[in-house]
Amino acid sequence: MSHPAVHVLAGPDGHQGAYDSWGAHSLDLHLLAGPDVLLPLLRTHIARDEAFRRSDDSVEAGVLVDPERRELLLFVQEGSSAAMRTRSAALTLLRHAWPDWQVRWAYEGQTGLRTRLGLDPADDHSTTGTSYPLFTLGPEDEELGEAEPMTAVVTIGADRCHVLDLCADHPLTEGPDLLRRLGDAPRHTAYTSPAGAGLHIDPARRSVGWWLLGAQARAERAAADWTGWTVEFWEDRWSEHVRAARGRFTPPAPDRAAALADVRGDALQYWAGPRDLRAAVVAAAPSALVGHAYLPPVTAAQAAAARGAVEAAYRAAGGR
């Protein structure tokens, strides 16, 4: 199973893009190389120009780079910038790696990239638009014992807390039916671990607040399904949920210094040396039909320059 990421280069003359079938889990580390390394690689990669041929639901990460506007728009579903412990550190390093650029998160995923380009967000013909409810997790579920479980936290009113397995769509996409579905679901006294998304529902005020660290395709459409409710999007500010939940959601505060060091280490490992992923696949399976949805080869000089950019960003962020 592939993990596709879309790479788009935009400018006054339009846009071009291409996919990397296996790059979703490392896109944020890839981008830490900065514009001097990445823009030449991106221009080579997008020569096939196949942007947005995959459905929004199927694309797990993406980046739009506009050198004219000095704008970088990105999203990932997994990785340093989508984990509560390291998100702030990863985005801080990214902004230092791209100095004087506007670095923003595309909370609607590929939908958001298409919207930024002026394309119709509804023009996603290859997707069904169906949302997939998340599995509920009880207090004793093994998954909750992991260091950074992939979870969504739903708090309701003044006394209910539910935890869901964040394996598909944000619980917001279920609309008010979510309240009925969780009526008999396992309850938690409180949730004190990291999470990747959350939702607070106040039935008395008919209000909803939600946040996420990854992306949700067609999120605006999902919010509109809460007819008669006030819906507030908190972006990645889980502190708003902590405040609204009044003790039922209290994740640990990230250790900034440790997080910066961890992201730096992961990025240096990613850029450790030259690589040519497609050539490696062809060598391993010479009789197989190998496509071209791979990033361009990286030379030793490019890898060294990328490591230099990572180290410079780390120093600028106050890392020691």
Protein backbone atom coordinates (compact mmCIF):
# COMPACT_ATOMS: atom_id res chain seq x y z
CA MET A 1 0.00 0.00 0.00
CA SER A 2 1.45 3.37 -1.03
CA HIS A 3 1.49 6.56 1.03
CA PRO A 4 1.18 9.28 -1.63
CA ALA A 5 2.27 12.89 -1.25
CA VAL A 6 1.57 15.58 -3.83
CA HIS A 7 4.19 18.22 -4.70
CA VAL A 8 2.98 21.38 -6.47
CA LEU A 9 4.94 24.32 -7.87
CA ALA A 10 2.79 27.42 -8.38
CA GLY A 11 3.45 30.81 -9.94
CA PRO A 12 1.98 33.59 -12.07
CA ASP A 13 1.81 31.29 -15.10
CA GLY A 14 -0.16 28.53 -13.36
CA HIS A 15 0.88 25.39 -11.56
CA GLN A 16 2.40 21.97 -12.13
CA GLY A 17 2.64 19.02 -9.80
CA ALA A 18 3.46 15.37 -9.35
CA TYR A 19 3.07 12.61 -6.79
CA ASP A 20 5.56 10.72 -4.69
CA SER A 21 3.92 7.37 -3.95
CA TRP A 22 5.92 6.71 -0.78
CA GLY A 23 6.74 10.14 0.63
CA ALA A 24 3.83 11.00 2.91
CA HIS A 25 5.49 9.92 6.16
CA SER A 26 8.65 11.96 5.59
CA LEU A 27 7.47 15.05 3.70
CA ASP A 28 8.03 17.43 6.61
CA LEU A 29 11.61 16.15 7.02
CA HIS A 30 12.10 16.51 3.27
CA LEU A 31 11.06 20.17 3.41
CA LEU A 32 13.57 20.99 6.16
CA ALA A 33 16.25 21.08 3.44
CA GLY A 34 15.03 24.58 2.59
CA PRO A 35 14.43 26.29 -0.76
CA ASP A 36 18.01 26.24 -2.12
CA VAL A 37 18.03 22.44 -2.13
CA LEU A 38 14.38 21.72 -2.75
CA LEU A 39 13.39 24.10 -5.54
CA PRO A 40 15.70 22.46 -8.13
CA LEU A 41 14.49 19.01 -7.03
CA LEU A 42 10.87 20.15 -7.20
CA ARG A 43 11.25 21.56 -10.71
CA THR A 44 12.64 18.22 -11.86
CA HIS A 45 9.92 16.26 -10.10
CA ILE A 46 6.91 18.18 -11.44
CA ALA A 47 7.97 17.89 -15.09
CA ARG A 48 5.45 15.03 -15.53
CA ASP A 49 2.67 17.41 -14.37
CA GLU A 50 0.08 15.04 -12.91
CA ALA A 51 -1.16 17.15 -10.00
CA PHE A 52 -4.58 16.37 -8.53
CA ARG A 53 -5.21 13.18 -10.50
CA ARG A 54 -5.68 11.35 -7.21
CA SER A 55 -8.68 11.90 -4.97
CA ASP A 56 -8.37 14.21 -2.00
CA ASP A 57 -9.13 11.33 0.37
CA SER A 58 -6.26 9.21 -0.93
CA VAL A 59 -3.46 11.78 -0.65
CA GLU A 60 -1.80 11.62 2.77
CA ALA A 61 0.54 14.60 2.51
CA GLY A 62 1.24 17.50 0.22
CA VAL A 63 3.07 20.75 -0.36
CA LEU A 64 2.47 23.77 -2.56
CA VAL A 65 5.45 26.05 -3.19
CA ASP A 66 5.03 29.48 -4.78
CA PRO A 67 8.46 31.15 -5.19
CA GLU A 68 6.91 34.36 -6.55
CA ARG A 69 4.83 34.86 -3.41
CA ARG A 70 7.38 33.08 -1.19
CA GLU A 71 4.60 30.88 0.10
CA LEU A 72 4.82 27.30 1.41
CA LEU A 73 1.56 25.47 2.10
CA LEU A 74 1.77 21.93 3.48
CA PHE A 75 0.01 19.10 5.27
CA VAL A 76 0.86 15.63 6.52
CA GLN A 77 -1.18 13.01 8.35
CA GLU A 78 1.78 11.40 10.11
CA GLY A 79 5.23 12.62 11.05
CA SER A 80 6.91 15.14 13.32
CA SER A 81 4.64 18.02 12.37
CA ALA A 82 1.47 15.98 12.96
CA ALA A 83 2.44 14.72 16.43
CA MET A 84 1.48 16.74 19.50
CA ARG A 85 4.89 16.31 21.14
CA THR A 86 6.91 17.60 18.17
CA ARG A 87 4.52 19.70 16.06
CA SER A 88 5.54 23.12 17.35
CA ALA A 89 9.23 22.22 17.09
CA ALA A 90 8.86 20.87 13.54
CA LEU A 91 7.01 23.96 12.31
CA THR A 92 9.49 26.26 14.06
CA LEU A 93 12.39 24.54 12.30
CA LEU A 94 10.53 24.64 9.00
CA ARG A 95 9.99 28.40 9.26
CA HIS A 96 13.68 28.91 10.01
CA ALA A 97 14.63 26.63 7.09
CA TRP A 98 12.47 28.80 4.80
CA PRO A 99 13.34 32.32 6.08
CA ASP A 100 11.19 35.17 4.77
CA TRP A 101 8.66 32.67 3.41
CA GLN A 102 5.07 32.40 4.58
CA VAL A 103 4.70 28.85 5.91
CA ARG A 104 1.10 27.74 6.43
CA TRP A 105 -0.76 24.50 7.16
CA ALA A 106 -3.36 23.17 4.71
CA TYR A 107 -5.96 21.86 7.16
CA GLU A 108 -8.16 20.58 4.32
CA GLY A 109 -5.33 18.58 2.78
CA GLN A 110 -5.29 18.37 -1.00
CA THR A 111 -8.69 20.09 -1.02
CA GLY A 112 -6.95 23.09 0.52
CA LEU A 113 -4.16 23.07 -2.05
CA ARG A 114 -6.69 23.07 -4.89
CA THR A 115 -8.67 25.86 -3.23
CA ARG A 116 -5.51 27.96 -2.88
CA LEU A 117 -5.00 27.64 -6.65
CA GLY A 118 -8.53 28.81 -7.39
CA LEU A 119 -9.78 25.36 -8.39
CA ASP A 120 -13.24 24.18 -7.40
CA PRO A 121 -12.91 22.22 -4.13
CA ALA A 122 -15.93 20.15 -5.14
CA ASP A 123 -14.23 18.99 -8.35
CA ASP A 124 -12.91 15.76 -6.87
CA HIS A 125 -14.67 13.28 -9.11
CA SER A 126 -12.77 10.20 -7.99
CA THR A 127 -13.94 10.28 -4.38
CA THR A 128 -17.27 9.20 -2.93
CA GLY A 129 -17.33 11.88 -0.26
CA THR A 130 -18.32 9.22 2.26
CA SER A 131 -17.08 9.68 5.84
CA TYR A 132 -15.93 6.72 7.87
CA PRO A 133 -16.76 6.75 11.62
CA LEU A 134 -13.84 6.13 13.95
CA PHE A 135 -13.74 3.15 16.30
CA THR A 136 -14.26 3.99 19.95
CA LEU A 137 -11.59 2.99 22.47
CA GLY A 138 -12.24 1.99 26.06
CA PRO A 139 -9.96 2.93 28.97
CA GLU A 140 -8.30 -0.52 28.85
CA ASP A 141 -7.59 -0.66 25.10
CA GLU A 142 -3.98 -1.61 24.35
CA GLU A 143 -3.56 1.16 21.81
CA LEU A 144 -3.81 3.76 24.55
CA GLY A 145 -0.65 2.34 26.12
CA GLU A 146 1.48 3.57 23.21
CA ALA A 147 3.73 6.59 23.71
CA GLU A 148 1.91 8.65 21.07
CA PRO A 149 -1.40 6.94 20.26
CA MET A 150 -3.25 8.05 17.12
CA THR A 151 -6.43 9.21 18.80
CA ALA A 152 -9.23 11.75 18.58
CA VAL A 153 -10.75 13.01 21.82
CA VAL A 154 -14.43 13.92 22.02
CA THR A 155 -15.77 15.68 25.11
CA ILE A 156 -19.49 16.34 25.47
CA GLY A 157 -21.12 18.74 27.89
CA ALA A 158 -19.67 18.87 31.38
CA ASP A 159 -19.12 15.19 32.11
CA ARG A 160 -18.48 13.00 29.06
CA CYS A 161 -15.16 12.03 27.49
CA HIS A 162 -14.73 9.56 24.63
CA VAL A 163 -11.57 8.47 22.83
CA LEU A 164 -11.60 7.29 19.21
CA ASP A 165 -9.01 5.59 17.02
CA LEU A 166 -7.90 8.28 14.56
CA CYS A 167 -7.62 5.98 11.54
CA ALA A 168 -9.94 7.79 9.13
CA ASP A 169 -12.06 10.94 9.15
CA HIS A 170 -12.28 13.51 11.92
CA PRO A 171 -15.35 12.92 14.13
CA LEU A 172 -16.66 16.32 12.99
CA THR A 173 -17.61 14.70 9.68
CA GLU A 174 -20.34 12.62 11.35
CA GLY A 175 -22.38 15.69 12.15
CA PRO A 176 -24.88 15.64 15.04
CA ASP A 177 -25.34 11.88 14.52
CA LEU A 178 -22.08 11.54 16.46
CA LEU A 179 -23.97 12.30 19.67
CA ARG A 180 -26.31 9.36 19.12
CA ARG A 181 -23.52 7.01 18.11
CA LEU A 182 -21.52 7.74 21.24
CA GLY A 183 -24.52 7.33 23.52
CA ASP A 184 -23.51 3.78 24.51
CA ALA A 185 -19.78 4.11 23.78
CA PRO A 186 -17.11 3.51 26.45
CA ARG A 187 -16.46 6.57 28.59
CA HIS A 188 -13.26 7.89 30.12
CA THR A 189 -13.07 9.87 33.32
CA ALA A 190 -10.39 11.96 31.60
CA TYR A 191 -7.80 11.63 28.84
CA THR A 192 -4.23 12.61 29.70
CA SER A 193 -2.22 11.33 26.71
CA PRO A 194 -1.29 13.07 23.43
CA ALA A 195 -3.91 13.13 20.67
CA GLY A 196 -4.03 14.06 17.00
CA ALA A 197 -7.49 15.62 16.87
CA GLY A 198 -10.33 16.65 19.11
CA LEU A 199 -13.90 17.87 19.34
CA HIS A 200 -15.85 19.51 22.16
CA ILE A 201 -19.64 19.51 21.95
CA ASP A 202 -21.83 21.71 24.15
CA PRO A 203 -25.39 20.42 23.57
CA ALA A 204 -26.94 23.11 25.77
CA ARG A 205 -25.43 25.93 23.73
CA ARG A 206 -25.53 23.93 20.48
CA SER A 207 -21.89 24.76 19.88
CA VAL A 208 -18.94 22.73 18.60
CA GLY A 209 -15.21 23.40 18.74
CA TRP A 210 -12.74 21.21 16.89
CA TRP A 211 -9.03 20.97 16.10
CA LEU A 212 -6.58 18.67 14.34
CA LEU A 213 -2.88 18.27 13.66
CA GLY A 214 -3.22 16.50 10.31
CA ALA A 215 -5.75 17.34 7.61
CA GLN A 216 -9.39 16.66 6.79
CA ALA A 217 -10.54 16.77 3.17
CA ARG A 218 -13.63 18.93 2.57
CA ALA A 219 -13.71 20.10 6.20
CA GLU A 220 -15.83 23.16 5.39
CA ARG A 221 -18.52 20.90 3.97
CA ALA A 222 -18.39 18.75 7.11
CA ALA A 223 -18.82 21.78 9.36
CA ALA A 224 -21.88 22.81 7.35
CA ASP A 225 -23.55 19.50 8.24
CA TRP A 226 -24.01 20.77 11.81
CA THR A 227 -27.15 22.66 10.83
CA GLY A 228 -28.34 24.94 13.63
CA TRP A 229 -25.06 24.61 15.55
CA THR A 230 -22.25 27.13 15.98
CA VAL A 231 -19.03 25.51 14.77
CA GLU A 232 -15.64 26.98 15.67
CA PHE A 233 -12.41 25.71 14.15
CA TRP A 234 -9.43 25.91 16.53
CA GLU A 235 -6.85 24.84 13.90
CA ASP A 236 -4.06 23.12 15.90
CA ARG A 237 -4.78 24.92 19.18
CA TRP A 238 -5.65 21.97 21.39
CA SER A 239 -5.36 24.36 24.35
CA GLU A 240 -8.84 25.61 23.41
CA HIS A 241 -10.15 22.07 23.86
CA VAL A 242 -8.32 21.70 27.18
CA ARG A 243 -10.00 24.88 28.40
CA ALA A 244 -13.47 23.83 27.21
CA ALA A 245 -13.18 20.28 28.58
CA ARG A 246 -12.53 21.48 32.15
CA GLY A 247 -10.21 18.73 33.29
CA ARG A 248 -11.39 15.90 31.05
CA PHE A 249 -8.66 16.44 28.45
CA THR A 250 -5.21 17.27 29.84
CA PRO A 251 -2.43 16.15 27.47
CA PRO A 252 1.20 16.55 28.58
CA ALA A 253 2.99 19.78 27.69
CA PRO A 254 5.68 19.22 25.03
CA ASP A 255 9.34 19.55 26.02
CA ARG A 256 10.51 22.13 23.47
CA ALA A 257 14.23 21.45 23.72
CA ALA A 258 13.81 17.69 23.46
CA ALA A 259 11.36 18.04 20.57
CA LEU A 260 13.70 20.33 18.61
CA ALA A 261 16.55 17.86 19.11
CA ASP A 262 14.42 14.90 18.04
CA VAL A 263 13.18 16.57 14.84
CA ARG A 264 16.72 17.70 14.01
CA GLY A 265 17.98 14.14 14.49
CA ASP A 266 15.26 12.67 12.28
CA ALA A 267 15.92 15.25 9.55
CA LEU A 268 19.68 14.64 9.59
CA GLN A 269 19.06 10.91 9.28
CA TYR A 270 16.64 11.47 6.38
CA TRP A 271 19.28 13.57 4.57
CA ALA A 272 22.21 11.33 5.61
CA GLY A 273 23.50 10.81 2.08
CA PRO A 274 22.71 10.41 -1.62
CA ARG A 275 19.72 8.32 -2.63
CA ASP A 276 17.76 7.20 -5.67
CA LEU A 277 14.68 5.35 -4.50
CA ARG A 278 13.41 4.39 -7.93
CA ALA A 279 16.79 2.98 -8.96
CA ALA A 280 16.89 0.99 -5.73
CA VAL A 281 13.47 -0.51 -6.46
CA VAL A 282 14.46 -1.38 -10.04
CA ALA A 283 17.67 -3.02 -8.78
CA ALA A 284 15.77 -5.05 -6.20
CA ALA A 285 13.11 -6.19 -8.68
CA PRO A 286 14.57 -5.92 -12.21
CA SER A 287 11.68 -7.76 -13.86
CA ALA A 288 8.97 -5.67 -12.17
CA LEU A 289 7.12 -2.82 -13.83
CA VAL A 290 8.21 0.23 -11.82
CA GLY A 291 6.41 3.54 -12.22
CA HIS A 292 7.84 7.04 -11.96
CA ALA A 293 6.03 8.37 -8.88
CA TYR A 294 9.27 8.78 -6.94
CA LEU A 295 11.23 11.84 -5.89
CA PRO A 296 14.24 12.70 -8.07
CA PRO A 297 17.66 11.28 -7.12
CA VAL A 298 19.58 13.19 -4.45
CA THR A 299 23.33 13.72 -4.86
CA ALA A 300 25.85 13.70 -2.03
CA ALA A 301 26.31 17.45 -2.45
CA GLN A 302 22.56 18.08 -2.21
CA ALA A 303 22.30 15.89 0.89
CA ALA A 304 25.17 17.77 2.52
CA ALA A 305 23.55 21.12 1.72
CA ALA A 306 20.27 19.85 3.18
CA ARG A 307 22.00 18.83 6.41
CA GLY A 308 23.55 22.29 6.56
CA ALA A 309 20.11 23.87 6.23
CA VAL A 310 18.75 21.66 9.02
CA GLU A 311 21.61 22.60 11.34
CA ALA A 312 21.19 26.30 10.56
CA ALA A 313 17.46 26.11 11.30
CA TYR A 314 18.18 24.29 14.56
CA ARG A 315 20.63 26.99 15.68
CA ALA A 316 18.19 29.75 14.69
CA ALA A 317 15.49 28.06 16.77
CA GLY A 318 17.73 28.13 19.83
CA GLY A 319 18.78 24.49 19.75
CA ARG A 320 21.98 23.54 21.55
